[in-house]
Amino acid sequence: MDILNEIAHISGKSGLFKVLKPTRTGVIVETLDALKQKSVVSGQTRISVLKDISLYLDEHQDSTLPLADLFLKIHEKFKGVLPIEPKKSSDIELYSTLESVVPNYDADRVFASDIKKILNWYLLLCAFSPEAFPAEEPTQVVAKEKAEPKEKKAAEKKPAAKKATK
């Protein structure tokens, strides 16, 4: 998920932003939504690239799961359709949804607000940046061609010999 190198969360703003290019005083970003509004964000604003964000795990003190891997796990389980609506869900629903995907997350260091953000970001990526997720394999069965004898195929390729005229 190299696309996460280009997508960021800006502190104090909702949603996600695609980082377009740097300027002298900051960066030009574009909203990751249907409006695609561009703006300049100053260099003093806290910008977190999604590639650098991870989820705390319970195993070791420094054990984390990168956000890219978490998004892939969520996508593997839910295929772009979450069983809850993150903005309207209770804390218990948020925690149980995350636990169904990552049972070993650190419940002491991961808050409901974090889970809500992660699930909202996942939905935004599914809607406006589907290339972030692997394409589904088509399940159609391809009909195999009937094998023909090699002589018949060879005969079809050669033009018929012309008879010499006297």
N, C-alpha and C. Protein backbone atom coordinates (compact mmCIF):
# COMPACT_ATOMS: atom_id res chain seq x y z
N MET A 1 0.82 -1.18 0.00
CA MET A 1 0.00 0.00 0.00
C MET A 1 0.88 1.26 0.00
N ASP A 2 1.58 1.44 -1.10
CA ASP A 2 2.44 2.61 -1.23
C ASP A 2 1.64 3.91 -1.32
N ILE A 3 0.37 3.79 -1.61
CA ILE A 3 -0.48 4.98 -1.71
C ILE A 3 -0.55 5.72 -0.37
N LEU A 4 -0.31 5.00 0.74
CA LEU A 4 -0.37 5.64 2.05
C LEU A 4 0.77 6.62 2.27
N ASN A 5 1.79 6.59 1.42
CA ASN A 5 2.87 7.59 1.48
C ASN A 5 2.37 8.96 1.04
N GLU A 6 1.30 8.98 0.23
CA GLU A 6 0.79 10.22 -0.34
C GLU A 6 -0.44 10.75 0.40
N ILE A 7 -0.99 9.97 1.32
CA ILE A 7 -2.22 10.37 2.01
C ILE A 7 -1.89 10.68 3.47
N ALA A 8 -2.48 11.78 3.95
CA ALA A 8 -2.15 12.24 5.30
C ALA A 8 -3.38 12.72 6.05
N HIS A 9 -3.22 12.74 7.36
CA HIS A 9 -4.20 13.34 8.27
C HIS A 9 -3.59 14.65 8.76
N ILE A 10 -4.39 15.70 8.75
CA ILE A 10 -3.92 17.01 9.21
C ILE A 10 -4.58 17.30 10.54
N SER A 11 -3.76 17.59 11.53
CA SER A 11 -4.26 17.87 12.87
C SER A 11 -5.22 19.05 12.84
N GLY A 12 -6.38 18.86 13.48
CA GLY A 12 -7.37 19.92 13.55
C GLY A 12 -8.37 19.92 12.41
N LYS A 13 -8.16 19.05 11.41
CA LYS A 13 -9.08 18.96 10.28
C LYS A 13 -9.62 17.54 10.18
N SER A 14 -10.87 17.42 9.77
CA SER A 14 -11.43 16.08 9.62
C SER A 14 -11.14 15.55 8.22
N GLY A 15 -11.16 14.25 8.09
CA GLY A 15 -10.94 13.63 6.80
C GLY A 15 -9.48 13.37 6.50
N LEU A 16 -9.24 12.96 5.26
CA LEU A 16 -7.89 12.67 4.79
C LEU A 16 -7.55 13.59 3.63
N PHE A 17 -6.24 13.74 3.40
CA PHE A 17 -5.77 14.63 2.36
C PHE A 17 -4.67 13.95 1.56
N LYS A 18 -4.70 14.18 0.26
CA LYS A 18 -3.64 13.69 -0.61
C LYS A 18 -2.58 14.78 -0.70
N VAL A 19 -1.34 14.45 -0.39
CA VAL A 19 -0.25 15.41 -0.43
C VAL A 19 0.20 15.52 -1.89
N LEU A 20 0.07 16.71 -2.46
CA LEU A 20 0.40 16.89 -3.87
C LEU A 20 1.86 17.28 -4.08
N LYS A 21 2.29 18.41 -3.49
CA LYS A 21 3.69 18.81 -3.61
C LYS A 21 4.04 19.85 -2.56
N PRO A 22 5.32 19.92 -2.24
CA PRO A 22 5.75 20.90 -1.23
C PRO A 22 5.84 22.31 -1.83
N THR A 23 5.72 23.29 -0.95
CA THR A 23 5.93 24.69 -1.32
C THR A 23 7.02 25.24 -0.41
N ARG A 24 7.32 26.51 -0.56
CA ARG A 24 8.35 27.11 0.31
C ARG A 24 7.89 27.15 1.76
N THR A 25 6.59 27.33 1.97
CA THR A 25 6.09 27.52 3.34
C THR A 25 5.30 26.33 3.88
N GLY A 26 5.12 25.28 3.10
CA GLY A 26 4.33 24.13 3.55
C GLY A 26 4.13 23.12 2.44
N VAL A 27 2.91 22.60 2.33
CA VAL A 27 2.60 21.64 1.27
C VAL A 27 1.22 21.93 0.69
N ILE A 28 1.05 21.55 -0.57
CA ILE A 28 -0.25 21.65 -1.22
C ILE A 28 -0.93 20.30 -1.04
N VAL A 29 -2.16 20.33 -0.53
CA VAL A 29 -2.92 19.11 -0.30
C VAL A 29 -4.27 19.20 -1.01
N GLU A 30 -4.85 18.03 -1.23
CA GLU A 30 -6.17 17.93 -1.86
C GLU A 30 -7.03 17.02 -1.00
N THR A 31 -8.26 17.43 -0.74
CA THR A 31 -9.13 16.61 0.10
C THR A 31 -9.41 15.28 -0.58
N LEU A 32 -9.49 14.22 0.20
CA LEU A 32 -9.78 12.90 -0.32
C LEU A 32 -11.29 12.69 -0.19
N ASP A 33 -12.01 13.37 -1.07
CA ASP A 33 -13.46 13.27 -1.11
C ASP A 33 -13.92 13.64 -2.51
N ALA A 34 -15.20 13.75 -2.71
CA ALA A 34 -15.75 14.06 -4.03
C ALA A 34 -15.42 15.49 -4.47
N LEU A 35 -15.21 16.41 -3.54
CA LEU A 35 -14.96 17.81 -3.88
C LEU A 35 -13.54 18.06 -4.41
N LYS A 36 -12.57 17.32 -3.92
CA LYS A 36 -11.16 17.45 -4.34
C LYS A 36 -10.66 18.88 -4.22
N GLN A 37 -10.94 19.52 -3.07
CA GLN A 37 -10.52 20.90 -2.84
C GLN A 37 -9.03 20.95 -2.51
N LYS A 38 -8.33 21.86 -3.15
CA LYS A 38 -6.90 22.03 -2.91
C LYS A 38 -6.68 23.20 -1.97
N SER A 39 -5.65 23.04 -1.13
CA SER A 39 -5.28 24.13 -0.23
C SER A 39 -3.82 23.99 0.14
N VAL A 40 -3.28 25.05 0.71
CA VAL A 40 -1.89 25.04 1.18
C VAL A 40 -1.91 24.95 2.69
N VAL A 41 -1.13 24.02 3.22
CA VAL A 41 -1.02 23.82 4.66
C VAL A 41 0.37 24.27 5.08
N SER A 42 0.45 25.10 6.10
CA SER A 42 1.74 25.63 6.53
C SER A 42 2.63 24.53 7.11
N GLY A 43 3.89 24.80 7.10
CA GLY A 43 4.87 23.85 7.63
C GLY A 43 4.78 23.67 9.13
N GLN A 44 4.09 24.57 9.82
CA GLN A 44 3.96 24.47 11.27
C GLN A 44 2.79 23.58 11.68
N THR A 45 1.92 23.24 10.73
CA THR A 45 0.77 22.39 11.02
C THR A 45 1.23 20.94 11.11
N ARG A 46 0.67 20.22 12.04
CA ARG A 46 1.05 18.81 12.23
C ARG A 46 0.35 17.95 11.16
N ILE A 47 1.18 17.36 10.29
CA ILE A 47 0.68 16.49 9.23
C ILE A 47 1.24 15.09 9.48
N SER A 48 0.34 14.10 9.54
CA SER A 48 0.76 12.72 9.77
C SER A 48 0.46 11.89 8.53
N VAL A 49 1.50 11.42 7.88
CA VAL A 49 1.33 10.56 6.71
C VAL A 49 0.87 9.19 7.22
N LEU A 50 -0.14 8.61 6.58
CA LEU A 50 -0.73 7.36 7.06
C LEU A 50 0.29 6.21 7.11
N LYS A 51 1.29 6.25 6.26
CA LYS A 51 2.31 5.20 6.24
C LYS A 51 3.06 5.14 7.57
N ASP A 52 3.12 6.27 8.29
CA ASP A 52 3.89 6.36 9.54
C ASP A 52 3.05 6.06 10.78
N ILE A 53 1.76 5.80 10.62
CA ILE A 53 0.87 5.56 11.76
C ILE A 53 0.73 4.05 11.96
N SER A 54 0.65 3.63 13.21
CA SER A 54 0.47 2.21 13.50
C SER A 54 -0.42 2.03 14.74
N LEU A 55 -0.86 0.81 14.94
CA LEU A 55 -1.76 0.46 16.05
C LEU A 55 -0.96 -0.31 17.10
N TYR A 56 -1.16 0.05 18.37
CA TYR A 56 -0.47 -0.65 19.45
C TYR A 56 -1.03 -2.06 19.60
N LEU A 57 -0.10 -3.02 19.77
CA LEU A 57 -0.48 -4.40 20.04
C LEU A 57 -0.14 -4.75 21.47
N ASP A 58 -0.76 -5.79 21.98
CA ASP A 58 -0.63 -6.18 23.38
C ASP A 58 0.61 -7.02 23.67
N GLU A 59 1.27 -7.55 22.66
CA GLU A 59 2.35 -8.52 22.87
C GLU A 59 3.56 -7.97 23.62
N HIS A 60 4.16 -6.91 23.08
CA HIS A 60 5.33 -6.29 23.70
C HIS A 60 5.06 -4.81 23.84
N GLN A 61 5.84 -4.16 24.64
CA GLN A 61 5.62 -2.74 24.87
C GLN A 61 5.76 -1.93 23.58
N ASP A 62 6.71 -2.31 22.72
CA ASP A 62 6.94 -1.57 21.49
C ASP A 62 6.33 -2.24 20.26
N SER A 63 5.48 -3.22 20.45
CA SER A 63 4.89 -3.95 19.34
C SER A 63 3.74 -3.16 18.73
N THR A 64 3.81 -2.96 17.40
CA THR A 64 2.77 -2.22 16.70
C THR A 64 2.43 -2.90 15.38
N LEU A 65 1.26 -2.56 14.85
CA LEU A 65 0.81 -3.05 13.55
C LEU A 65 0.67 -1.83 12.64
N PRO A 66 1.44 -1.79 11.55
CA PRO A 66 1.34 -0.63 10.64
C PRO A 66 -0.09 -0.46 10.12
N LEU A 67 -0.48 0.77 9.91
CA LEU A 67 -1.83 1.08 9.46
C LEU A 67 -2.14 0.41 8.12
N ALA A 68 -1.15 0.30 7.24
CA ALA A 68 -1.37 -0.36 5.94
C ALA A 68 -1.81 -1.81 6.15
N ASP A 69 -1.14 -2.52 7.06
CA ASP A 69 -1.50 -3.91 7.35
C ASP A 69 -2.88 -3.99 8.01
N LEU A 70 -3.17 -3.03 8.87
CA LEU A 70 -4.48 -3.01 9.53
C LEU A 70 -5.59 -2.79 8.50
N PHE A 71 -5.39 -1.86 7.57
CA PHE A 71 -6.39 -1.62 6.53
C PHE A 71 -6.60 -2.88 5.68
N LEU A 72 -5.52 -3.59 5.37
CA LEU A 72 -5.66 -4.83 4.59
C LEU A 72 -6.45 -5.89 5.35
N LYS A 73 -6.20 -5.99 6.66
CA LYS A 73 -6.96 -6.94 7.48
C LYS A 73 -8.44 -6.57 7.54
N ILE A 74 -8.72 -5.29 7.70
CA ILE A 74 -10.11 -4.83 7.73
C ILE A 74 -10.78 -5.13 6.38
N HIS A 75 -10.06 -4.86 5.31
CA HIS A 75 -10.62 -5.09 3.98
C HIS A 75 -10.84 -6.58 3.71
N GLU A 76 -9.94 -7.39 4.19
CA GLU A 76 -10.07 -8.84 4.04
C GLU A 76 -11.33 -9.35 4.74
N LYS A 77 -11.63 -8.77 5.88
CA LYS A 77 -12.79 -9.22 6.65
C LYS A 77 -14.10 -8.61 6.18
N PHE A 78 -14.11 -7.31 5.86
CA PHE A 78 -15.36 -6.61 5.59
C PHE A 78 -15.59 -6.23 4.13
N LYS A 79 -14.56 -6.29 3.30
CA LYS A 79 -14.68 -6.00 1.85
C LYS A 79 -15.31 -4.63 1.56
N GLY A 80 -14.98 -3.62 2.35
CA GLY A 80 -15.45 -2.27 2.09
C GLY A 80 -16.78 -1.91 2.73
N VAL A 81 -17.44 -2.87 3.39
CA VAL A 81 -18.74 -2.60 4.03
C VAL A 81 -18.63 -2.96 5.50
N LEU A 82 -18.55 -1.95 6.36
CA LEU A 82 -18.42 -2.20 7.80
C LEU A 82 -19.78 -2.56 8.40
N PRO A 83 -19.78 -3.40 9.45
CA PRO A 83 -21.05 -3.77 10.10
C PRO A 83 -21.63 -2.66 10.97
N ILE A 84 -20.83 -1.62 11.20
CA ILE A 84 -21.29 -0.49 12.03
C ILE A 84 -21.03 0.81 11.27
N GLU A 85 -21.65 1.87 11.73
CA GLU A 85 -21.36 3.20 11.21
C GLU A 85 -20.48 3.88 12.26
N PRO A 86 -19.19 4.07 11.97
CA PRO A 86 -18.25 4.54 12.99
C PRO A 86 -18.67 5.82 13.71
N LYS A 87 -19.26 6.79 13.00
CA LYS A 87 -19.60 8.07 13.63
C LYS A 87 -20.73 7.94 14.64
N LYS A 88 -21.61 6.95 14.45
CA LYS A 88 -22.78 6.82 15.32
C LYS A 88 -22.70 5.64 16.28
N SER A 89 -21.61 4.90 16.25
CA SER A 89 -21.50 3.68 17.06
C SER A 89 -21.05 3.97 18.48
N SER A 90 -21.44 3.07 19.37
CA SER A 90 -21.00 3.19 20.76
C SER A 90 -19.56 2.69 20.88
N ASP A 91 -18.94 3.02 22.00
CA ASP A 91 -17.57 2.59 22.24
C ASP A 91 -17.46 1.06 22.21
N ILE A 92 -18.44 0.38 22.76
CA ILE A 92 -18.42 -1.08 22.80
C ILE A 92 -18.44 -1.66 21.39
N GLU A 93 -19.26 -1.08 20.52
CA GLU A 93 -19.32 -1.55 19.13
C GLU A 93 -17.99 -1.32 18.41
N LEU A 94 -17.38 -0.17 18.67
CA LEU A 94 -16.09 0.14 18.05
C LEU A 94 -15.02 -0.84 18.50
N TYR A 95 -14.94 -1.07 19.82
CA TYR A 95 -13.95 -2.00 20.34
C TYR A 95 -14.17 -3.42 19.82
N SER A 96 -15.40 -3.87 19.77
CA SER A 96 -15.66 -5.24 19.31
C SER A 96 -15.37 -5.40 17.82
N THR A 97 -15.61 -4.35 17.04
CA THR A 97 -15.29 -4.41 15.61
C THR A 97 -13.78 -4.53 15.41
N LEU A 98 -13.01 -3.72 16.13
CA LEU A 98 -11.55 -3.80 16.02
C LEU A 98 -11.05 -5.14 16.53
N GLU A 99 -11.64 -5.63 17.62
CA GLU A 99 -11.22 -6.91 18.18
C GLU A 99 -11.49 -8.07 17.21
N SER A 100 -12.53 -7.96 16.40
CA SER A 100 -12.81 -9.02 15.43
C SER A 100 -11.76 -9.08 14.33
N VAL A 101 -11.07 -7.95 14.11
CA VAL A 101 -10.02 -7.91 13.09
C VAL A 101 -8.64 -8.15 13.71
N VAL A 102 -8.37 -7.49 14.83
CA VAL A 102 -7.08 -7.60 15.52
C VAL A 102 -7.34 -7.93 16.99
N PRO A 103 -7.45 -9.21 17.32
CA PRO A 103 -7.79 -9.57 18.70
C PRO A 103 -6.72 -9.20 19.73
N ASN A 104 -5.49 -8.97 19.28
CA ASN A 104 -4.39 -8.69 20.21
C ASN A 104 -4.02 -7.21 20.27
N TYR A 105 -4.96 -6.30 19.95
CA TYR A 105 -4.65 -4.88 20.07
C TYR A 105 -4.57 -4.52 21.56
N ASP A 106 -3.84 -3.45 21.86
CA ASP A 106 -3.64 -3.03 23.24
C ASP A 106 -4.80 -2.14 23.67
N ALA A 107 -5.74 -2.71 24.42
CA ALA A 107 -6.95 -2.00 24.83
C ALA A 107 -6.65 -0.83 25.78
N ASP A 108 -5.50 -0.85 26.44
CA ASP A 108 -5.15 0.25 27.35
C ASP A 108 -4.66 1.49 26.60
N ARG A 109 -4.07 1.30 25.42
CA ARG A 109 -3.49 2.44 24.69
C ARG A 109 -4.26 2.81 23.42
N VAL A 110 -5.25 2.02 23.02
CA VAL A 110 -6.06 2.34 21.85
C VAL A 110 -7.43 2.79 22.33
N PHE A 111 -7.79 4.01 22.01
CA PHE A 111 -9.04 4.59 22.49
C PHE A 111 -10.13 4.49 21.43
N ALA A 112 -11.38 4.64 21.86
CA ALA A 112 -12.52 4.56 20.95
C ALA A 112 -12.40 5.62 19.85
N SER A 113 -11.90 6.79 20.19
CA SER A 113 -11.73 7.85 19.19
C SER A 113 -10.72 7.44 18.11
N ASP A 114 -9.68 6.70 18.51
CA ASP A 114 -8.70 6.19 17.55
C ASP A 114 -9.35 5.21 16.59
N ILE A 115 -10.15 4.30 17.13
CA ILE A 115 -10.81 3.29 16.31
C ILE A 115 -11.79 3.96 15.35
N LYS A 116 -12.51 4.96 15.84
CA LYS A 116 -13.46 5.69 15.00
C LYS A 116 -12.73 6.34 13.82
N LYS A 117 -11.57 6.97 14.09
CA LYS A 117 -10.78 7.59 13.03
C LYS A 117 -10.31 6.56 12.02
N ILE A 118 -9.78 5.45 12.52
CA ILE A 118 -9.25 4.40 11.64
C ILE A 118 -10.35 3.85 10.73
N LEU A 119 -11.52 3.57 11.30
CA LEU A 119 -12.62 3.02 10.50
C LEU A 119 -13.14 4.06 9.50
N ASN A 120 -13.21 5.32 9.89
CA ASN A 120 -13.61 6.37 8.94
C ASN A 120 -12.58 6.52 7.82
N TRP A 121 -11.30 6.47 8.16
CA TRP A 121 -10.25 6.54 7.15
C TRP A 121 -10.35 5.36 6.19
N TYR A 122 -10.62 4.18 6.73
CA TYR A 122 -10.77 3.00 5.88
C TYR A 122 -11.90 3.21 4.88
N LEU A 123 -13.04 3.72 5.34
CA LEU A 123 -14.17 3.96 4.44
C LEU A 123 -13.84 5.01 3.38
N LEU A 124 -13.10 6.05 3.77
CA LEU A 124 -12.68 7.07 2.80
C LEU A 124 -11.76 6.47 1.73
N LEU A 125 -10.82 5.64 2.16
CA LEU A 125 -9.92 4.99 1.21
C LEU A 125 -10.68 4.08 0.26
N CYS A 126 -11.63 3.33 0.78
CA CYS A 126 -12.43 2.44 -0.08
C CYS A 126 -13.21 3.24 -1.12
N ALA A 127 -13.76 4.36 -0.71
CA ALA A 127 -14.59 5.15 -1.60
C ALA A 127 -13.79 5.98 -2.60
N PHE A 128 -12.70 6.61 -2.17
CA PHE A 128 -12.02 7.58 -3.01
C PHE A 128 -10.60 7.18 -3.43
N SER A 129 -10.12 6.06 -2.96
CA SER A 129 -8.80 5.57 -3.35
C SER A 129 -8.79 4.04 -3.33
N PRO A 130 -9.66 3.40 -4.13
CA PRO A 130 -9.75 1.94 -4.09
C PRO A 130 -8.49 1.23 -4.55
N GLU A 131 -7.60 1.93 -5.24
CA GLU A 131 -6.34 1.31 -5.67
C GLU A 131 -5.45 0.98 -4.48
N ALA A 132 -5.79 1.45 -3.31
CA ALA A 132 -5.02 1.13 -2.10
C ALA A 132 -5.18 -0.33 -1.70
N PHE A 133 -6.23 -0.97 -2.20
CA PHE A 133 -6.51 -2.36 -1.83
C PHE A 133 -6.33 -3.27 -3.03
N PRO A 134 -5.90 -4.52 -2.78
CA PRO A 134 -5.71 -5.44 -3.91
C PRO A 134 -7.04 -5.71 -4.62
N ALA A 135 -6.95 -5.84 -5.92
CA ALA A 135 -8.15 -6.12 -6.71
C ALA A 135 -8.62 -7.55 -6.45
N GLU A 136 -9.93 -7.71 -6.45
CA GLU A 136 -10.50 -9.04 -6.25
C GLU A 136 -10.29 -9.87 -7.50
N GLU A 137 -9.98 -11.14 -7.29
CA GLU A 137 -9.82 -12.05 -8.42
C GLU A 137 -11.19 -12.36 -9.01
N PRO A 138 -11.31 -12.32 -10.32
CA PRO A 138 -12.61 -12.67 -10.91
C PRO A 138 -12.93 -14.14 -10.68
N THR A 139 -14.17 -14.41 -10.39
CA THR A 139 -14.57 -15.79 -10.07
C THR A 139 -15.22 -16.48 -11.25
N GLN A 140 -15.18 -15.86 -12.41
CA GLN A 140 -15.77 -16.48 -13.59
C GLN A 140 -14.89 -17.61 -14.07
N VAL A 141 -15.55 -18.66 -14.53
CA VAL A 141 -14.82 -19.81 -15.05
C VAL A 141 -14.59 -19.59 -16.54
N VAL A 142 -13.34 -19.67 -16.95
CA VAL A 142 -13.01 -19.47 -18.35
C VAL A 142 -13.13 -20.82 -19.06
N ALA A 143 -13.89 -20.84 -20.13
CA ALA A 143 -14.07 -22.08 -20.89
C ALA A 143 -12.78 -22.40 -21.63
N LYS A 144 -12.34 -23.64 -21.52
CA LYS A 144 -11.13 -24.07 -22.20
C LYS A 144 -11.45 -24.42 -23.64
N GLU A 145 -10.55 -24.04 -24.52
CA GLU A 145 -10.75 -24.39 -25.93
C GLU A 145 -10.51 -25.88 -26.09
N LYS A 146 -11.27 -26.48 -27.00
CA LYS A 146 -11.06 -27.89 -27.28
C LYS A 146 -9.76 -28.05 -28.03
N ALA A 147 -9.02 -29.03 -27.61
CA ALA A 147 -7.73 -29.28 -28.25
C ALA A 147 -7.96 -29.87 -29.63
N GLU A 148 -7.26 -29.30 -30.62
CA GLU A 148 -7.35 -29.81 -31.97
C GLU A 148 -6.03 -30.47 -32.31
N PRO A 149 -6.06 -31.46 -33.16
CA PRO A 149 -4.81 -32.10 -33.58
C PRO A 149 -3.89 -31.07 -34.24
N LYS A 150 -2.58 -31.23 -34.04
CA LYS A 150 -1.60 -30.29 -34.58
C LYS A 150 -1.65 -30.25 -36.10
N GLU A 151 -1.92 -31.40 -36.75
CA GLU A 151 -1.94 -31.44 -38.21
C GLU A 151 -3.06 -30.54 -38.74
N LYS A 152 -4.22 -30.57 -38.10
CA LYS A 152 -5.36 -29.79 -38.56
C LYS A 152 -5.05 -28.29 -38.44
N LYS A 153 -4.42 -27.88 -37.31
CA LYS A 153 -4.06 -26.47 -37.13
C LYS A 153 -3.05 -26.04 -38.17
N ALA A 154 -2.08 -26.88 -38.46
CA ALA A 154 -1.05 -26.57 -39.44
C ALA A 154 -1.66 -26.44 -40.83
N ALA A 155 -2.61 -27.29 -41.14
CA ALA A 155 -3.26 -27.25 -42.45
C ALA A 155 -4.08 -25.98 -42.62
N GLU A 156 -4.67 -25.49 -41.55
CA GLU A 156 -5.46 -24.28 -41.62
C GLU A 156 -4.60 -23.05 -41.88
N LYS A 157 -3.38 -23.07 -41.39
CA LYS A 157 -2.50 -21.92 -41.54
C LYS A 157 -1.91 -21.83 -42.94
N LYS A 158 -1.64 -22.98 -43.61
CA LYS A 158 -1.03 -22.97 -44.94
C LYS A 158 -2.09 -22.76 -46.00
N PRO A 159 -1.81 -21.93 -46.98
CA PRO A 159 -2.77 -21.78 -48.08
C PRO A 159 -2.76 -23.04 -48.96
N ALA A 160 -3.87 -23.30 -49.59
CA ALA A 160 -3.97 -24.48 -50.45
C ALA A 160 -3.05 -24.32 -51.65
N ALA A 161 -2.43 -25.42 -52.08
CA ALA A 161 -1.49 -25.39 -53.22
C ALA A 161 -2.29 -25.16 -54.50
N LYS A 162 -1.76 -24.29 -55.36
CA LYS A 162 -2.42 -24.01 -56.63
C LYS A 162 -1.95 -25.01 -57.69
N LYS A 163 -2.89 -25.39 -58.53
CA LYS A 163 -2.54 -26.29 -59.62
C LYS A 163 -1.92 -25.48 -60.75
N ALA A 164 -0.88 -26.05 -61.33
CA ALA A 164 -0.21 -25.39 -62.45
C ALA A 164 -1.07 -25.51 -63.70
N THR A 165 -1.16 -24.45 -64.45
CA THR A 165 -1.94 -24.48 -65.69
C THR A 165 -1.01 -24.66 -66.87
N LYS A 166 -1.43 -25.42 -67.87
CA LYS A 166 -0.60 -25.67 -69.04
C LYS A 166 -0.85 -24.70 -70.11
